[in-house]
Amino acid sequence: MDFNNDSNEKDKGSWYVEEPKRSNEPGNNAAPNNGQRPDDGQSSDNNRFQNSGQDMPGDDEVIRRVYIHIRPNTMLFTGSMILGILTVATALLGTVYLPFMLGGVAIVMGILSRDEQGMVDFKAKIGILLGALGIVLNIVVVATSVYTVFNNPEQYEAFDSVFERVYGEDFASFMQENGVSVPIPE
């Protein structure tokens, strides 16, 4: 196979590979290959690949071009979609910092995956939307948790006992030492 990378198609992300036509394809004048080598098993070194041992196409075989389009932003929009899904999942699990980081990266990757015309792929749109949804969902979950802790006496007692085990003093006295008054639910 000959990778012709010197064309102007390289700049657009399209590359082509030249490969021989099979002998049974229309328009090919090469002799049919019935599992045997065309020279009855005797081949010179210049008619074979050095490492693979495969026959090279002869001069009489027709060469066709197969275009392979490589999209340069494929990893960006796929990564954006995956990170958007992870953002929503981590926001639903109640983590605080992780959805902000994952959602921000998902949005940035989705925006960076635009093509030459400025169009955004469908997967990138999903990644951007899920990243933003995960960030908003995380804000709602954290705000609801804080509201519940400071308005429900049972939740506040559970929070205060965990805080005291970790920091060695209760939450209200810790905040008063730092100059902030906290209303304690009763």
N, C-alpha and C. Protein backbone atom coordinates (compact mmCIF):
# COMPACT_ATOMS: atom_id res chain seq x y z
N MET A 1 0.84 -1.18 0.00
CA MET A 1 0.00 0.00 0.00
C MET A 1 0.88 1.23 0.00
N ASP A 2 0.46 2.20 -0.73
CA ASP A 2 1.21 3.42 -0.84
C ASP A 2 0.39 4.55 -0.22
N PHE A 3 0.90 5.13 0.84
CA PHE A 3 0.21 6.24 1.47
C PHE A 3 0.68 7.52 0.80
N ASN A 4 -0.18 8.11 0.01
CA ASN A 4 0.17 9.33 -0.71
C ASN A 4 -0.26 10.51 0.14
N ASN A 5 0.68 11.07 0.86
CA ASN A 5 0.37 12.15 1.80
C ASN A 5 0.82 13.50 1.29
N ASP A 6 1.21 13.57 0.03
CA ASP A 6 1.73 14.82 -0.49
C ASP A 6 0.65 15.65 -1.19
N SER A 7 -0.58 15.21 -1.15
CA SER A 7 -1.63 15.96 -1.85
C SER A 7 -2.16 17.07 -0.96
N ASN A 8 -2.94 17.95 -1.56
CA ASN A 8 -3.54 19.03 -0.78
C ASN A 8 -4.69 18.51 0.07
N GLU A 9 -5.12 17.26 -0.13
CA GLU A 9 -6.17 16.68 0.69
C GLU A 9 -5.68 16.45 2.12
N LYS A 10 -4.38 16.38 2.32
CA LYS A 10 -3.83 16.13 3.64
C LYS A 10 -4.24 17.24 4.60
N ASP A 11 -4.27 18.47 4.14
CA ASP A 11 -4.62 19.59 4.99
C ASP A 11 -6.08 19.54 5.41
N LYS A 12 -6.93 18.90 4.64
CA LYS A 12 -8.35 18.82 4.96
C LYS A 12 -8.68 17.59 5.79
N GLY A 13 -7.73 16.77 6.10
CA GLY A 13 -7.97 15.58 6.90
C GLY A 13 -8.29 14.35 6.09
N SER A 14 -8.19 14.39 4.77
CA SER A 14 -8.47 13.21 3.95
C SER A 14 -7.16 12.66 3.42
N TRP A 15 -6.95 11.40 3.55
CA TRP A 15 -5.78 10.72 3.05
C TRP A 15 -6.27 9.62 2.14
N TYR A 16 -5.46 9.21 1.21
CA TYR A 16 -5.89 8.09 0.39
C TYR A 16 -4.80 7.04 0.33
N VAL A 17 -5.25 5.83 0.09
CA VAL A 17 -4.36 4.68 0.03
C VAL A 17 -4.55 4.04 -1.32
N GLU A 18 -3.45 3.73 -2.00
CA GLU A 18 -3.54 3.02 -3.26
C GLU A 18 -3.34 1.55 -3.00
N GLU A 19 -4.26 0.75 -3.50
CA GLU A 19 -4.12 -0.69 -3.35
C GLU A 19 -4.55 -1.37 -4.63
N PRO A 20 -4.05 -2.56 -4.90
CA PRO A 20 -4.39 -3.23 -6.17
C PRO A 20 -5.82 -3.74 -6.15
N LYS A 21 -6.43 -3.75 -7.35
CA LYS A 21 -7.74 -4.35 -7.50
C LYS A 21 -7.59 -5.85 -7.48
N ARG A 22 -8.61 -6.52 -7.02
CA ARG A 22 -8.61 -7.98 -7.08
C ARG A 22 -8.81 -8.41 -8.53
N SER A 23 -8.38 -9.59 -8.83
CA SER A 23 -8.42 -10.03 -10.22
C SER A 23 -9.84 -10.27 -10.71
N ASN A 24 -10.80 -10.48 -9.82
CA ASN A 24 -12.16 -10.74 -10.28
C ASN A 24 -12.99 -9.46 -10.40
N GLU A 25 -12.40 -8.29 -10.13
CA GLU A 25 -13.13 -7.04 -10.26
C GLU A 25 -13.19 -6.63 -11.72
N PRO A 26 -14.30 -6.02 -12.14
CA PRO A 26 -14.40 -5.60 -13.55
C PRO A 26 -13.37 -4.53 -13.88
N GLY A 27 -12.85 -4.62 -15.06
CA GLY A 27 -11.87 -3.63 -15.50
C GLY A 27 -10.45 -3.99 -15.16
N ASN A 28 -10.25 -5.13 -14.55
CA ASN A 28 -8.90 -5.55 -14.19
C ASN A 28 -8.47 -6.62 -15.18
N ASN A 29 -7.36 -6.39 -15.83
CA ASN A 29 -6.87 -7.32 -16.84
C ASN A 29 -5.85 -8.30 -16.28
N ALA A 30 -5.66 -8.27 -14.95
CA ALA A 30 -4.68 -9.17 -14.37
C ALA A 30 -5.20 -10.59 -14.40
N ALA A 31 -4.30 -11.52 -14.47
CA ALA A 31 -4.69 -12.94 -14.48
C ALA A 31 -5.28 -13.31 -13.13
N PRO A 32 -6.27 -14.19 -13.11
CA PRO A 32 -6.88 -14.57 -11.83
C PRO A 32 -5.87 -15.31 -10.97
N ASN A 33 -5.96 -15.07 -9.66
CA ASN A 33 -5.06 -15.68 -8.71
C ASN A 33 -5.85 -16.76 -7.98
N ASN A 34 -5.57 -18.00 -8.26
CA ASN A 34 -6.29 -19.12 -7.67
C ASN A 34 -5.56 -19.63 -6.43
N GLY A 35 -5.08 -18.76 -5.62
CA GLY A 35 -4.33 -19.18 -4.44
C GLY A 35 -2.89 -19.50 -4.75
N GLN A 36 -2.49 -19.36 -6.01
CA GLN A 36 -1.12 -19.64 -6.38
C GLN A 36 -0.46 -18.35 -6.84
N ARG A 37 0.83 -18.34 -6.75
CA ARG A 37 1.56 -17.18 -7.20
C ARG A 37 1.58 -17.17 -8.72
N PRO A 38 1.53 -16.02 -9.35
CA PRO A 38 1.46 -15.95 -10.80
C PRO A 38 2.70 -16.50 -11.49
N ASP A 39 3.84 -16.56 -10.81
CA ASP A 39 5.06 -17.06 -11.43
C ASP A 39 5.38 -18.48 -10.98
N ASP A 40 4.34 -19.26 -10.63
CA ASP A 40 4.46 -20.66 -10.22
C ASP A 40 5.37 -20.83 -9.01
N GLY A 41 5.28 -19.92 -8.05
CA GLY A 41 6.00 -20.07 -6.80
C GLY A 41 7.41 -19.55 -6.83
N GLN A 42 7.90 -19.08 -7.96
CA GLN A 42 9.25 -18.57 -8.02
C GLN A 42 9.18 -17.07 -8.19
N SER A 43 9.65 -16.37 -7.18
CA SER A 43 9.55 -14.92 -7.19
C SER A 43 10.90 -14.32 -6.83
N SER A 44 11.20 -13.21 -7.43
CA SER A 44 12.44 -12.54 -7.08
C SER A 44 12.18 -11.64 -5.88
N ASP A 45 13.25 -11.19 -5.25
CA ASP A 45 13.12 -10.37 -4.05
C ASP A 45 12.49 -9.02 -4.33
N ASN A 46 12.64 -8.51 -5.56
CA ASN A 46 12.06 -7.21 -5.85
C ASN A 46 10.56 -7.29 -6.11
N ASN A 47 9.97 -8.49 -6.13
CA ASN A 47 8.55 -8.65 -6.35
C ASN A 47 7.81 -9.00 -5.05
N ARG A 48 8.51 -8.92 -3.93
CA ARG A 48 7.89 -9.26 -2.66
C ARG A 48 8.24 -8.19 -1.63
N PHE A 49 7.32 -8.00 -0.68
CA PHE A 49 7.63 -7.13 0.44
C PHE A 49 8.71 -7.80 1.27
N GLN A 50 9.60 -7.01 1.84
CA GLN A 50 10.70 -7.60 2.58
C GLN A 50 10.22 -8.34 3.82
N ASN A 51 9.38 -7.72 4.63
CA ASN A 51 9.04 -8.32 5.92
C ASN A 51 7.79 -9.18 5.87
N SER A 52 6.82 -8.83 5.05
CA SER A 52 5.54 -9.51 5.13
C SER A 52 5.43 -10.72 4.23
N GLY A 53 6.20 -10.83 3.19
CA GLY A 53 6.14 -11.97 2.31
C GLY A 53 4.96 -11.94 1.35
N GLN A 54 4.30 -10.81 1.19
CA GLN A 54 3.16 -10.71 0.28
C GLN A 54 3.64 -10.24 -1.08
N ASP A 55 2.92 -10.67 -2.12
CA ASP A 55 3.27 -10.23 -3.47
C ASP A 55 2.93 -8.77 -3.66
N MET A 56 3.80 -8.06 -4.32
CA MET A 56 3.52 -6.68 -4.68
C MET A 56 2.73 -6.67 -5.97
N PRO A 57 1.92 -5.66 -6.19
CA PRO A 57 1.18 -5.61 -7.44
C PRO A 57 2.13 -5.43 -8.62
N GLY A 58 1.84 -6.14 -9.71
CA GLY A 58 2.65 -6.01 -10.90
C GLY A 58 2.23 -4.80 -11.71
N ASP A 59 2.95 -4.56 -12.80
CA ASP A 59 2.64 -3.42 -13.65
C ASP A 59 1.31 -3.56 -14.35
N ASP A 60 0.84 -4.79 -14.56
CA ASP A 60 -0.40 -4.97 -15.31
C ASP A 60 -1.65 -4.86 -14.43
N GLU A 61 -1.48 -4.75 -13.12
CA GLU A 61 -2.64 -4.65 -12.24
C GLU A 61 -3.10 -3.19 -12.15
N VAL A 62 -4.39 -3.02 -12.09
CA VAL A 62 -4.97 -1.69 -12.03
C VAL A 62 -4.97 -1.23 -10.57
N ILE A 63 -4.57 0.00 -10.38
CA ILE A 63 -4.51 0.57 -9.04
C ILE A 63 -5.75 1.43 -8.83
N ARG A 64 -6.39 1.28 -7.68
CA ARG A 64 -7.53 2.14 -7.35
C ARG A 64 -7.18 2.92 -6.09
N ARG A 65 -7.85 4.04 -5.93
CA ARG A 65 -7.62 4.88 -4.76
C ARG A 65 -8.79 4.73 -3.80
N VAL A 66 -8.46 4.50 -2.57
CA VAL A 66 -9.46 4.40 -1.52
C VAL A 66 -9.25 5.61 -0.61
N TYR A 67 -10.27 6.44 -0.51
CA TYR A 67 -10.16 7.62 0.32
C TYR A 67 -10.61 7.30 1.73
N ILE A 68 -9.79 7.65 2.67
CA ILE A 68 -10.10 7.48 4.07
C ILE A 68 -10.17 8.87 4.67
N HIS A 69 -11.34 9.21 5.18
CA HIS A 69 -11.49 10.54 5.76
C HIS A 69 -11.23 10.45 7.26
N ILE A 70 -10.26 11.17 7.73
CA ILE A 70 -9.91 11.20 9.15
C ILE A 70 -10.36 12.54 9.70
N ARG A 71 -11.34 12.51 10.58
CA ARG A 71 -11.81 13.75 11.18
C ARG A 71 -10.89 14.13 12.32
N PRO A 72 -10.30 15.30 12.27
CA PRO A 72 -9.30 15.66 13.27
C PRO A 72 -9.88 15.89 14.66
N ASN A 73 -11.18 16.17 14.79
CA ASN A 73 -11.77 16.51 16.07
C ASN A 73 -12.55 15.36 16.70
N THR A 74 -12.35 14.16 16.22
CA THR A 74 -13.12 13.02 16.70
C THR A 74 -12.91 12.79 18.18
N MET A 75 -11.70 12.87 18.63
CA MET A 75 -11.43 12.62 20.05
C MET A 75 -12.00 13.73 20.92
N LEU A 76 -12.02 14.95 20.42
CA LEU A 76 -12.55 16.05 21.22
C LEU A 76 -14.04 15.91 21.46
N PHE A 77 -14.83 15.65 20.40
CA PHE A 77 -16.26 15.58 20.66
C PHE A 77 -16.66 14.30 21.35
N THR A 78 -15.93 13.22 21.16
CA THR A 78 -16.22 12.00 21.90
C THR A 78 -15.87 12.18 23.37
N GLY A 79 -14.74 12.79 23.64
CA GLY A 79 -14.35 13.08 25.02
C GLY A 79 -15.31 14.02 25.70
N SER A 80 -15.81 15.00 24.95
CA SER A 80 -16.78 15.94 25.50
C SER A 80 -18.06 15.21 25.92
N MET A 81 -18.52 14.30 25.08
CA MET A 81 -19.74 13.57 25.40
C MET A 81 -19.53 12.66 26.61
N ILE A 82 -18.41 11.97 26.67
CA ILE A 82 -18.13 11.08 27.81
C ILE A 82 -18.01 11.88 29.10
N LEU A 83 -17.30 13.00 29.06
CA LEU A 83 -17.17 13.82 30.26
C LEU A 83 -18.50 14.44 30.67
N GLY A 84 -19.36 14.77 29.70
CA GLY A 84 -20.68 15.28 30.03
C GLY A 84 -21.51 14.25 30.77
N ILE A 85 -21.44 12.99 30.32
CA ILE A 85 -22.16 11.91 31.00
C ILE A 85 -21.61 11.72 32.41
N LEU A 86 -20.28 11.75 32.56
CA LEU A 86 -19.67 11.61 33.88
C LEU A 86 -20.02 12.78 34.79
N THR A 87 -20.19 13.97 34.23
CA THR A 87 -20.56 15.13 35.03
C THR A 87 -21.93 14.94 35.66
N VAL A 88 -22.89 14.50 34.86
CA VAL A 88 -24.23 14.27 35.39
C VAL A 88 -24.21 13.16 36.44
N ALA A 89 -23.47 12.10 36.18
CA ALA A 89 -23.40 10.98 37.13
C ALA A 89 -22.78 11.41 38.46
N THR A 90 -21.69 12.16 38.41
CA THR A 90 -21.05 12.59 39.66
C THR A 90 -21.88 13.64 40.38
N ALA A 91 -22.63 14.44 39.65
CA ALA A 91 -23.51 15.42 40.30
C ALA A 91 -24.64 14.70 41.05
N LEU A 92 -25.16 13.64 40.45
CA LEU A 92 -26.22 12.88 41.12
C LEU A 92 -25.71 12.12 42.34
N LEU A 93 -24.42 11.79 42.34
CA LEU A 93 -23.84 11.10 43.49
C LEU A 93 -23.55 12.05 44.65
N GLY A 94 -23.65 13.34 44.42
CA GLY A 94 -23.49 14.31 45.50
C GLY A 94 -22.07 14.79 45.72
N THR A 95 -21.16 14.51 44.82
CA THR A 95 -19.82 15.05 44.97
C THR A 95 -19.86 16.55 44.71
N VAL A 96 -18.92 17.28 45.27
CA VAL A 96 -18.99 18.74 45.18
C VAL A 96 -18.10 19.29 44.08
N TYR A 97 -16.84 18.92 44.07
CA TYR A 97 -15.89 19.55 43.15
C TYR A 97 -15.80 18.86 41.79
N LEU A 98 -15.93 17.56 41.76
CA LEU A 98 -15.72 16.80 40.54
C LEU A 98 -16.66 17.20 39.40
N PRO A 99 -17.96 17.41 39.64
CA PRO A 99 -18.82 17.83 38.51
C PRO A 99 -18.44 19.18 37.93
N PHE A 100 -17.95 20.09 38.75
CA PHE A 100 -17.53 21.39 38.22
C PHE A 100 -16.34 21.23 37.27
N MET A 101 -15.38 20.40 37.68
CA MET A 101 -14.19 20.19 36.84
C MET A 101 -14.55 19.44 35.55
N LEU A 102 -15.28 18.32 35.70
CA LEU A 102 -15.63 17.52 34.52
C LEU A 102 -16.54 18.29 33.57
N GLY A 103 -17.51 19.02 34.12
CA GLY A 103 -18.42 19.79 33.28
C GLY A 103 -17.72 20.91 32.53
N GLY A 104 -16.78 21.58 33.21
CA GLY A 104 -16.02 22.63 32.55
C GLY A 104 -15.18 22.10 31.40
N VAL A 105 -14.52 20.97 31.65
CA VAL A 105 -13.70 20.38 30.60
C VAL A 105 -14.57 19.87 29.44
N ALA A 106 -15.74 19.30 29.76
CA ALA A 106 -16.66 18.82 28.71
C ALA A 106 -17.12 19.97 27.83
N ILE A 107 -17.44 21.11 28.44
CA ILE A 107 -17.89 22.27 27.66
C ILE A 107 -16.75 22.80 26.78
N VAL A 108 -15.56 22.91 27.34
CA VAL A 108 -14.42 23.43 26.57
C VAL A 108 -14.08 22.49 25.42
N MET A 109 -14.06 21.18 25.68
CA MET A 109 -13.75 20.23 24.61
C MET A 109 -14.81 20.25 23.52
N GLY A 110 -16.07 20.41 23.91
CA GLY A 110 -17.15 20.48 22.92
C GLY A 110 -17.01 21.71 22.03
N ILE A 111 -16.65 22.82 22.63
CA ILE A 111 -16.48 24.06 21.85
C ILE A 111 -15.25 23.96 20.94
N LEU A 112 -14.18 23.37 21.43
CA LEU A 112 -12.96 23.24 20.63
C LEU A 112 -13.09 22.24 19.48
N SER A 113 -14.11 21.40 19.50
CA SER A 113 -14.25 20.38 18.46
C SER A 113 -14.95 20.90 17.20
N ARG A 114 -15.15 22.18 17.10
CA ARG A 114 -15.78 22.73 15.88
C ARG A 114 -14.91 22.46 14.67
N ASP A 115 -15.57 22.29 13.52
CA ASP A 115 -14.82 22.04 12.29
C ASP A 115 -14.49 23.38 11.62
N GLU A 116 -13.99 23.30 10.37
CA GLU A 116 -13.54 24.50 9.66
C GLU A 116 -14.66 25.50 9.41
N GLN A 117 -15.89 25.01 9.26
CA GLN A 117 -17.02 25.89 9.01
C GLN A 117 -17.65 26.41 10.30
N GLY A 118 -17.14 26.02 11.43
CA GLY A 118 -17.67 26.47 12.71
C GLY A 118 -18.83 25.62 13.21
N MET A 119 -19.08 24.50 12.55
CA MET A 119 -20.18 23.63 12.95
C MET A 119 -19.72 22.71 14.08
N VAL A 120 -20.66 22.43 14.99
CA VAL A 120 -20.38 21.56 16.12
C VAL A 120 -21.08 20.23 15.87
N ASP A 121 -20.37 19.13 16.09
CA ASP A 121 -20.93 17.79 15.89
C ASP A 121 -22.01 17.50 16.92
N PHE A 122 -22.89 16.56 16.61
CA PHE A 122 -23.99 16.20 17.50
C PHE A 122 -23.48 15.69 18.84
N LYS A 123 -22.41 14.88 18.83
CA LYS A 123 -21.85 14.37 20.08
C LYS A 123 -21.29 15.51 20.93
N ALA A 124 -20.70 16.50 20.29
CA ALA A 124 -20.16 17.64 21.03
C ALA A 124 -21.29 18.45 21.64
N LYS A 125 -22.41 18.59 20.91
CA LYS A 125 -23.56 19.29 21.47
C LYS A 125 -24.09 18.57 22.69
N ILE A 126 -24.15 17.24 22.61
CA ILE A 126 -24.59 16.46 23.76
C ILE A 126 -23.63 16.65 24.93
N GLY A 127 -22.33 16.65 24.65
CA GLY A 127 -21.33 16.86 25.70
C GLY A 127 -21.45 18.22 26.35
N ILE A 128 -21.67 19.25 25.54
CA ILE A 128 -21.82 20.61 26.09
C ILE A 128 -23.08 20.69 26.95
N LEU A 129 -24.18 20.15 26.44
CA LEU A 129 -25.44 20.20 27.19
C LEU A 129 -25.37 19.39 28.48
N LEU A 130 -24.80 18.20 28.42
CA LEU A 130 -24.69 17.39 29.63
C LEU A 130 -23.71 18.00 30.63
N GLY A 131 -22.64 18.63 30.15
CA GLY A 131 -21.71 19.30 31.05
C GLY A 131 -22.37 20.45 31.78
N ALA A 132 -23.13 21.26 31.04
CA ALA A 132 -23.85 22.38 31.67
C ALA A 132 -24.93 21.86 32.61
N LEU A 133 -25.66 20.83 32.19
CA LEU A 133 -26.70 20.25 33.04
C LEU A 133 -26.11 19.68 34.32
N GLY A 134 -24.96 19.02 34.22
CA GLY A 134 -24.30 18.47 35.40
C GLY A 134 -23.86 19.55 36.37
N ILE A 135 -23.35 20.66 35.86
CA ILE A 135 -22.94 21.76 36.73
C ILE A 135 -24.15 22.36 37.45
N VAL A 136 -25.23 22.61 36.71
CA VAL A 136 -26.44 23.16 37.32
C VAL A 136 -27.02 22.17 38.32
N LEU A 137 -27.05 20.89 37.97
CA LEU A 137 -27.56 19.87 38.87
C LEU A 137 -26.71 19.79 40.13
N ASN A 138 -25.40 19.94 40.00
CA ASN A 138 -24.52 19.92 41.16
C ASN A 138 -24.80 21.11 42.08
N ILE A 139 -25.03 22.28 41.50
CA ILE A 139 -25.35 23.46 42.31
C ILE A 139 -26.65 23.22 43.07
N VAL A 140 -27.64 22.64 42.42
CA VAL A 140 -28.92 22.37 43.07
C VAL A 140 -28.76 21.35 44.19
N VAL A 141 -28.01 20.29 43.96
CA VAL A 141 -27.81 19.26 44.98
C VAL A 141 -27.08 19.82 46.19
N VAL A 142 -26.02 20.60 45.98
CA VAL A 142 -25.26 21.17 47.08
C VAL A 142 -26.11 22.19 47.84
N ALA A 143 -26.84 23.05 47.12
CA ALA A 143 -27.68 24.05 47.79
C ALA A 143 -28.79 23.37 48.60
N THR A 144 -29.39 22.33 48.05
CA THR A 144 -30.43 21.60 48.77
C THR A 144 -29.85 20.92 50.01
N SER A 145 -28.67 20.37 49.91
CA SER A 145 -28.03 19.73 51.06
C SER A 145 -27.74 20.73 52.17
N VAL A 146 -27.19 21.88 51.81
CA VAL A 146 -26.88 22.91 52.80
C VAL A 146 -28.17 23.42 53.44
N TYR A 147 -29.19 23.65 52.66
CA TYR A 147 -30.48 24.11 53.18
C TYR A 147 -31.06 23.08 54.15
N THR A 148 -31.00 21.81 53.79
CA THR A 148 -31.55 20.75 54.64
C THR A 148 -30.78 20.65 55.95
N VAL A 149 -29.46 20.75 55.90
CA VAL A 149 -28.65 20.65 57.12
C VAL A 149 -28.96 21.79 58.08
N PHE A 150 -29.13 22.99 57.58
CA PHE A 150 -29.32 24.14 58.47
C PHE A 150 -30.78 24.43 58.79
N ASN A 151 -31.71 23.66 58.27
CA ASN A 151 -33.13 23.86 58.61
C ASN A 151 -33.76 22.64 59.27
N ASN A 152 -33.10 21.53 59.32
CA ASN A 152 -33.61 20.33 59.95
C ASN A 152 -32.72 20.01 61.15
N PRO A 153 -33.28 20.02 62.37
CA PRO A 153 -32.44 19.79 63.56
C PRO A 153 -31.76 18.42 63.57
N GLU A 154 -32.40 17.39 63.07
CA GLU A 154 -31.78 16.06 63.06
C GLU A 154 -30.58 16.03 62.11
N GLN A 155 -30.74 16.64 60.95
CA GLN A 155 -29.62 16.69 60.00
C GLN A 155 -28.48 17.54 60.54
N TYR A 156 -28.79 18.62 61.22
CA TYR A 156 -27.75 19.47 61.78
C TYR A 156 -26.97 18.73 62.86
N GLU A 157 -27.67 17.96 63.70
CA GLU A 157 -26.98 17.19 64.75
C GLU A 157 -26.05 16.15 64.13
N ALA A 158 -26.51 15.48 63.07
CA ALA A 158 -25.65 14.51 62.40
C ALA A 158 -24.43 15.20 61.79
N PHE A 159 -24.64 16.35 61.14
CA PHE A 159 -23.53 17.11 60.55
C PHE A 159 -22.57 17.58 61.64
N ASP A 160 -23.12 18.09 62.76
CA ASP A 160 -22.29 18.62 63.83
C ASP A 160 -21.46 17.52 64.49
N SER A 161 -22.02 16.32 64.64
CA SER A 161 -21.25 15.22 65.24
C SER A 161 -20.09 14.79 64.32
N VAL A 162 -20.33 14.74 63.03
CA VAL A 162 -19.26 14.41 62.09
C VAL A 162 -18.20 15.51 62.09
N PHE A 163 -18.63 16.78 62.11
CA PHE A 163 -17.70 17.91 62.13
C PHE A 163 -16.84 17.87 63.39
N GLU A 164 -17.46 17.53 64.53
CA GLU A 164 -16.72 17.49 65.79
C GLU A 164 -15.71 16.34 65.81
N ARG A 165 -16.07 15.20 65.23
CA ARG A 165 -15.12 14.08 65.15
C ARG A 165 -13.93 14.43 64.26
N VAL A 166 -14.17 15.16 63.19
CA VAL A 166 -13.09 15.48 62.25
C VAL A 166 -12.21 16.61 62.78
N TYR A 167 -12.83 17.69 63.28
CA TYR A 167 -12.07 18.89 63.65
C TYR A 167 -11.87 19.08 65.15
N GLY A 168 -12.51 18.28 65.97
CA GLY A 168 -12.29 18.37 67.41
C GLY A 168 -13.14 19.41 68.12
N GLU A 169 -13.97 20.14 67.47
CA GLU A 169 -14.90 21.09 68.09
C GLU A 169 -16.17 21.17 67.26
N ASP A 170 -17.22 21.66 67.88
CA ASP A 170 -18.49 21.71 67.14
C ASP A 170 -18.49 22.84 66.12
N PHE A 171 -19.44 22.77 65.19
CA PHE A 171 -19.47 23.68 64.06
C PHE A 171 -19.76 25.12 64.48
N ALA A 172 -20.68 25.32 65.41
CA ALA A 172 -21.06 26.69 65.83
C ALA A 172 -19.90 27.40 66.49
N SER A 173 -19.18 26.72 67.39
CA SER A 173 -18.04 27.38 68.05
C SER A 173 -16.90 27.64 67.06
N PHE A 174 -16.71 26.73 66.10
CA PHE A 174 -15.69 26.94 65.07
C PHE A 174 -15.99 28.19 64.24
N MET A 175 -17.25 28.35 63.88
CA MET A 175 -17.63 29.52 63.08
C MET A 175 -17.57 30.80 63.90
N GLN A 176 -17.91 30.74 65.19
CA GLN A 176 -17.82 31.94 66.04
C GLN A 176 -16.38 32.38 66.24
N GLU A 177 -15.44 31.43 66.33
CA GLU A 177 -14.02 31.77 66.42
C GLU A 177 -13.54 32.52 65.18
N ASN A 178 -14.16 32.22 64.04
CA ASN A 178 -13.78 32.85 62.79
C ASN A 178 -14.64 34.08 62.46
N GLY A 179 -15.49 34.50 63.38
CA GLY A 179 -16.24 35.73 63.23
C GLY A 179 -17.54 35.60 62.43
N VAL A 180 -18.08 34.40 62.32
CA VAL A 180 -19.33 34.18 61.57
C VAL A 180 -20.35 33.58 62.52
N SER A 181 -21.52 34.18 62.56
CA SER A 181 -22.58 33.60 63.40
C SER A 181 -23.47 32.71 62.54
N VAL A 182 -23.74 31.51 63.08
CA VAL A 182 -24.52 30.52 62.33
C VAL A 182 -25.80 30.25 63.12
N PRO A 183 -26.95 30.38 62.48
CA PRO A 183 -28.20 30.05 63.17
C PRO A 183 -28.31 28.53 63.35
N ILE A 184 -28.53 28.10 64.56
CA ILE A 184 -28.65 26.67 64.86
C ILE A 184 -30.13 26.30 64.85
N PRO A 185 -30.52 25.32 64.02
CA PRO A 185 -31.95 24.94 63.99
C PRO A 185 -32.33 24.20 65.28
N GLU A 186 -33.56 24.47 65.73
CA GLU A 186 -34.03 23.81 66.95
C GLU A 186 -35.32 23.11 66.73
